[in-house]
């Protein structure tokens, strides 16, 4: 209970509705990360907006739900790329975006909340060579692609979360807004 309250979550916020929304946001993230891929000029590199579910969950439901959503969204890429660090890194992003969204603008929260994941991704891929030693240009392409995705999400969240009408609509559906 203390752990939950230290993240700003009370037991009254852990409802079946919020658990269902967490599952929906995770499904949206998985969908955007596996099927709805945006081609780039670089061969075999696609923009995926898989963090959209994590970001929405974090901003609307808070750090615990944002972390859970990020972890779930990270399972498939973790298995696909053989890197078991992906789910906890994505969970960390969800937690940080939720915490930062209380203190700063939504776009800033998204971008800054991703920085630790970017650093840890670089650390595992380039320094620890997990899952396999990728050449540095490939790692830089992966990180550049990820930053492009997060910039798109930051702009999108800035538009969505700063619009009072959309915010009211979301609050009526979710029941409360963490923001």
Foldseek 3Di string as FASTA:
>chain_A
DVVQVVQVHDPVLPDPLLVVLLVVLLVVLLCQVPPVWADDPDPPDTQGLSCLSLLCSCFFRHLVSSLVSQLSSQPVVCVVQVNPCRSNLRSQLSHQLNVVVVPDANLVSLQVSNVVSLVVLCCCCDPVVPPHPDDPVVNVVVSVSVNVSSNVSSVVCNVQVVDPVNVVVSCVSSVGTSD
